[in-house]
Amino acid sequence: MAIDTAAEVVAAYGAAWDAQDEQARRALLERAWTDGGTYTDPTAHVEGREALVEHIGGFQARMPGFRLINTSGVDGHNGCLRFAWQMLDPEGEVALEGLDFAEQGPDGRLKRIVGFFGPLRPA
């Protein structure tokens, strides 16, 4: 099934962070992530889809029971996207929130994500 909208791409990417099965995670990222895409946040930088599959698995091992949810719509223009998310602890409480900026490849899949943790600082 082809992904037609940025919202569908981001939804598949987000679902990969919660997929406990490595094969399911890989399949979601094949739909949403280019082969050589990069992911960068304050704690990590990974290159390539397989590296992201492993990075997400490591997150799940370190943070059992935590899950990520998208908390905004997807805002985009000219192949660039942004969206907000929250990390929930096993009790469903917000442990962290953040904002991701992304670039899409020619086929609409994500080729780069740069994530920021926490709310924006006041001016």
Protein backbone atom coordinates (compact mmCIF):
# COMPACT_ATOMS: atom_id res chain seq x y z
CA MET A 1 0.00 0.00 0.00
CA ALA A 2 1.47 3.33 -1.03
CA ILE A 3 1.54 6.18 1.44
CA ASP A 4 0.00 9.28 -0.10
CA THR A 5 0.07 11.93 2.60
CA ALA A 6 2.58 13.36 5.02
CA ALA A 7 0.20 12.46 7.87
CA GLU A 8 0.29 8.79 6.82
CA VAL A 9 4.08 8.84 6.63
CA VAL A 10 4.35 10.34 10.12
CA ALA A 11 1.75 7.90 11.50
CA ALA A 12 3.71 4.90 10.18
CA TYR A 13 6.95 6.36 11.55
CA GLY A 14 5.34 6.93 14.96
CA ALA A 15 3.88 3.41 15.00
CA ALA A 16 7.40 2.04 14.42
CA TRP A 17 8.47 3.51 17.79
CA ASP A 18 5.78 1.45 19.52
CA ALA A 19 6.13 -1.76 17.51
CA GLN A 20 7.56 -4.36 19.89
CA ASP A 21 8.27 -6.86 17.12
CA GLU A 22 11.41 -6.05 15.11
CA GLN A 23 9.88 -7.28 11.85
CA ALA A 24 6.80 -5.11 12.34
CA ARG A 25 9.02 -2.14 13.16
CA ARG A 26 11.10 -2.75 10.05
CA ALA A 27 7.97 -3.04 7.85
CA LEU A 28 6.61 0.25 9.18
CA LEU A 29 9.92 1.98 8.56
CA GLU A 30 10.10 0.55 5.03
CA ARG A 31 6.80 2.34 4.37
CA ALA A 32 7.84 5.61 6.01
CA TRP A 33 11.64 5.90 5.90
CA THR A 34 14.15 6.07 3.04
CA ASP A 35 16.98 3.53 2.99
CA GLY A 36 19.66 6.09 3.87
CA GLY A 37 17.60 8.38 6.08
CA THR A 38 19.11 10.02 9.16
CA TYR A 39 17.67 10.48 12.63
CA THR A 40 19.13 12.98 15.08
CA ASP A 41 17.99 13.95 18.58
CA PRO A 42 19.83 15.33 21.62
CA THR A 43 21.04 11.83 22.56
CA ALA A 44 21.67 10.06 19.25
CA HIS A 45 22.46 10.26 15.55
CA VAL A 46 21.79 7.24 13.36
CA GLU A 47 22.10 6.75 9.62
CA GLY A 48 20.09 4.26 7.61
CA ARG A 49 16.86 2.40 8.15
CA GLU A 50 18.46 -0.64 9.81
CA ALA A 51 20.29 1.60 12.27
CA LEU A 52 16.97 3.24 13.15
CA VAL A 53 15.32 -0.18 13.63
CA GLU A 54 18.11 -1.02 16.12
CA HIS A 55 17.99 2.39 17.81
CA ILE A 56 14.25 2.08 18.45
CA GLY A 57 14.78 -1.46 19.81
CA GLY A 58 17.41 -0.08 22.18
CA PHE A 59 15.02 2.64 23.35
CA GLN A 60 12.36 0.03 24.06
CA ALA A 61 14.84 -2.13 26.00
CA ARG A 62 15.95 0.84 28.14
CA MET A 63 12.43 2.21 28.64
CA PRO A 64 10.07 -0.78 28.93
CA GLY A 65 6.43 0.18 28.93
CA PHE A 66 7.06 3.70 27.61
CA ARG A 67 5.31 4.70 24.41
CA LEU A 68 5.19 7.64 22.04
CA ILE A 69 2.09 9.41 20.78
CA ASN A 70 1.71 12.18 18.23
CA THR A 71 0.11 15.23 19.83
CA SER A 72 -0.31 17.48 16.81
CA GLY A 73 -1.21 17.38 13.21
CA VAL A 74 1.53 17.35 10.60
CA ASP A 75 2.48 20.78 9.32
CA GLY A 76 4.40 20.84 6.07
CA HIS A 77 5.61 22.75 3.07
CA ASN A 78 8.15 22.22 0.30
CA GLY A 79 9.05 18.71 1.47
CA CYS A 80 9.61 19.78 5.08
CA LEU A 81 7.43 18.68 8.01
CA ARG A 82 7.02 19.32 11.70
CA PHE A 83 4.95 17.54 14.35
CA ALA A 84 4.78 17.27 18.12
CA TRP A 85 4.81 14.16 20.29
CA GLN A 86 4.82 12.98 23.90
CA MET A 87 6.50 10.05 25.58
CA LEU A 88 4.19 8.40 28.09
CA ASP A 89 5.45 6.32 31.00
CA PRO A 90 3.90 2.92 31.81
CA GLU A 91 1.19 4.67 33.89
CA GLY A 92 0.24 6.93 30.96
CA GLU A 93 1.80 10.07 32.43
CA VAL A 94 3.80 12.43 30.23
CA ALA A 95 7.50 11.77 30.78
CA LEU A 96 8.79 13.94 27.92
CA GLU A 97 7.46 16.00 25.07
CA GLY A 98 9.12 17.11 21.91
CA LEU A 99 8.99 18.45 18.41
CA ASP A 100 10.36 16.79 15.30
CA PHE A 101 11.35 18.45 12.05
CA ALA A 102 11.58 16.24 8.98
CA GLU A 103 12.51 16.28 5.33
CA GLN A 104 10.79 14.08 2.80
CA GLY A 105 12.50 12.33 -0.08
CA PRO A 106 11.16 12.45 -3.64
CA ASP A 107 8.85 9.48 -2.94
CA GLY A 108 7.33 11.17 0.13
CA ARG A 109 9.08 8.97 2.70
CA LEU A 110 11.13 10.56 5.46
CA LYS A 111 14.81 11.08 4.69
CA ARG A 112 15.76 13.12 7.75
CA ILE A 113 14.38 13.76 11.21
CA VAL A 114 15.79 16.20 13.72
CA GLY A 115 14.09 15.91 17.08
CA PHE A 116 14.04 18.32 19.99
CA PHE A 117 13.11 17.40 23.56
CA GLY A 118 11.02 19.56 25.87
CA PRO A 119 9.00 22.70 25.29
CA LEU A 120 10.45 25.77 23.61
CA ARG A 121 12.18 28.17 25.97
CA PRO A 122 10.56 31.56 26.51
CA ALA A 123 12.14 34.53 24.75
